[in-house]
Protein backbone atom coordinates (compact mmCIF):
# COMPACT_ATOMS: atom_id res chain seq x y z
CA MET A 1 -99.68 -1.88 -130.81
CA ALA A 2 -99.26 -5.11 -128.87
CA LYS A 3 -97.70 -4.14 -125.37
CA LYS A 4 -94.62 -5.63 -123.93
CA GLU A 5 -94.43 -7.39 -121.32
CA VAL A 6 -92.04 -6.79 -118.67
CA LYS A 7 -91.03 -9.81 -116.65
CA THR A 8 -90.12 -8.59 -112.59
CA LEU A 9 -88.40 -10.33 -110.81
CA SER A 10 -89.11 -11.44 -107.10
CA LYS A 11 -86.69 -10.13 -104.56
CA LYS A 12 -85.66 -13.56 -103.88
CA GLU A 13 -84.65 -14.23 -107.47
CA LYS A 14 -83.01 -10.79 -107.59
CA ASN A 15 -80.89 -11.61 -104.16
CA SER A 16 -79.91 -14.81 -105.44
CA LYS A 17 -79.13 -13.79 -109.06
CA ASP A 18 -76.89 -10.99 -107.44
CA LYS A 19 -74.86 -13.77 -105.13
CA THR A 20 -74.44 -15.83 -108.24
CA SER A 21 -73.00 -13.55 -110.41
CA PHE A 22 -70.95 -11.88 -107.71
CA PHE A 23 -69.33 -15.18 -106.79
CA LYS A 24 -68.59 -16.07 -110.89
CA GLY A 25 -67.11 -12.43 -111.24
CA PHE A 26 -64.79 -13.21 -108.13
CA LYS A 27 -63.62 -16.93 -109.23
CA ALA A 28 -62.93 -14.92 -112.59
CA GLU A 29 -60.82 -11.68 -111.11
CA LEU A 30 -58.72 -14.35 -109.05
CA LYS A 31 -57.78 -16.29 -112.09
CA LYS A 32 -56.61 -13.20 -113.33
CA VAL A 33 -54.42 -12.60 -110.32
CA SER A 34 -50.31 -13.24 -110.78
CA TRP A 35 -49.86 -15.82 -107.59
CA PRO A 36 -45.92 -15.89 -106.46
CA THR A 37 -44.21 -19.59 -106.46
CA PRO A 38 -43.68 -20.89 -102.66
CA LYS A 39 -39.96 -19.86 -103.59
CA GLN A 40 -40.98 -16.21 -104.08
CA LEU A 41 -42.96 -16.35 -101.11
CA VAL A 42 -40.33 -17.67 -98.79
CA ASN A 43 -37.54 -14.96 -100.45
CA ASN A 44 -40.47 -12.43 -99.69
CA THR A 45 -41.17 -13.28 -96.16
CA VAL A 46 -37.76 -13.24 -95.26
CA ALA A 47 -36.93 -10.39 -96.19
CA VAL A 48 -39.96 -8.36 -94.49
CA VAL A 49 -38.74 -10.54 -91.19
CA VAL A 50 -35.20 -9.43 -90.99
CA ILE A 51 -35.99 -5.81 -92.27
CA VAL A 52 -38.73 -5.44 -89.21
CA LEU A 53 -36.18 -7.00 -86.94
CA ILE A 54 -33.06 -4.67 -88.57
CA LEU A 55 -35.73 -1.83 -87.37
CA ALA A 56 -36.64 -3.00 -84.32
CA ALA A 57 -32.83 -3.43 -83.36
CA ILE A 58 -32.21 0.43 -84.08
CA VAL A 59 -35.24 1.55 -82.79
CA PHE A 60 -34.09 -0.45 -79.47
CA VAL A 61 -30.57 1.29 -79.89
CA LEU A 62 -31.88 4.76 -80.27
CA ASP A 63 -34.57 4.75 -76.92
CA PHE A 64 -31.65 2.81 -75.05
CA THR A 65 -28.83 5.83 -76.19
CA PHE A 66 -31.40 8.77 -75.48
CA GLU A 67 -32.76 6.87 -72.04
CA ALA A 68 -28.88 7.08 -70.82
CA VAL A 69 -28.79 10.50 -72.38
CA ASN A 70 -31.53 11.40 -70.46
CA LYS A 71 -30.20 9.68 -67.05
CA TYR A 72 -26.76 10.94 -66.99
CA GLY A 73 -26.36 13.67 -69.21
CA ILE A 74 -30.03 16.18 -69.06
CA ASP A 75 -30.70 15.18 -65.60
CA LYS A 76 -27.15 16.74 -64.35
CA ILE A 77 -27.67 19.58 -66.48
CA LYS A 78 -30.63 20.34 -64.50
CA GLU A 79 -29.11 19.66 -61.35
CA GLY A 80 -26.79 22.31 -61.93
CA VAL A 81 -28.82 24.38 -63.33
CA ILE A 82 -31.12 24.33 -60.27
CA SER A 83 -28.40 24.72 -57.40
CA SER A 84 -26.99 28.00 -59.46
CA ARG A 85 -30.14 29.21 -59.15
CA GLN A 86 -30.19 28.61 -55.52
CA VAL A 87 -26.90 29.66 -54.94
CA THR A 88 -27.84 32.74 -56.46
CA ASP A 89 -30.99 33.27 -55.02
CA ASP A 90 -29.36 32.92 -51.89
CA ASN A 91 -26.68 35.51 -52.64
CA SER A 92 -29.25 38.11 -53.70
CA ASN A 93 -30.88 37.62 -50.40
CA GLY A 94 -27.78 39.20 -48.51
CA GLU A 95 -25.94 36.11 -47.99
CA SER A 96 -22.31 35.98 -48.28
CA ASN A 97 -20.52 34.65 -51.46
CA ALA A 98 -18.21 32.16 -51.48
CA GLU A 99 -15.39 32.43 -53.98
CA GLY A 100 -16.41 30.50 -57.36
CA THR A 101 -19.80 30.76 -57.00
CA GLU A 102 -20.26 33.90 -59.20
CA ASN A 103 -19.33 31.61 -62.34
CA GLY A 104 -22.14 28.97 -61.09
CA ASN A 105 -19.31 26.61 -59.81
CA THR A 106 -20.75 25.13 -56.61
CA GLU A 107 -18.34 22.54 -56.58
CA ASN A 108 -15.18 22.36 -54.35
CA VAL A 109 -15.57 25.72 -53.06
CA GLU A 110 -13.43 26.93 -50.08
CA PRO A 111 -14.36 29.49 -47.60
CA THR A 112 -12.33 32.67 -48.27
CA THR A 113 -11.11 34.17 -44.97
CA ASP A 114 -10.60 38.14 -43.99
CA ALA A 115 -7.27 38.89 -43.31
CA ASN A 116 -8.43 40.96 -39.66
CA THR A 117 -10.38 37.53 -38.42
CA GLU A 118 -7.62 34.67 -39.01
CA ASN A 119 -6.33 32.69 -35.93
CA THR A 120 -2.74 34.11 -34.64
CA GLN A 121 -1.03 32.75 -31.79
CA GLU A 122 0.45 35.31 -29.22
CA THR A 123 4.01 34.52 -28.51
CA PRO A 124 5.24 35.04 -25.28
CA ALA A 125 8.11 37.92 -24.71
CA GLU A 126 10.97 37.03 -23.68
């Protein structure tokens, strides 16, 4: 029986062979790629840019709208709730209740007067 000689490659030879086969395979795969024409490339690029600008405009409008709602709507509601809580807290501490504050309405509240405390002028007897 004759022994077969096994050819062993050094690390340098093996490494260079791997690199060359990699680049050959890479080049072969790039030849298989279906590349767009310049017109298709321009059309697709324009489509992507337009879609991005439209989405950016939508996000800007929504951001501006929600900020305005927060500034003029929710903050005002918070102020109303806080002021009604303060009025309720004041009333529970034994202070007199002005007319209209039972419902949380603190705007344009006129103080009530008792019939016994009204200022009356006495007319001189003739």
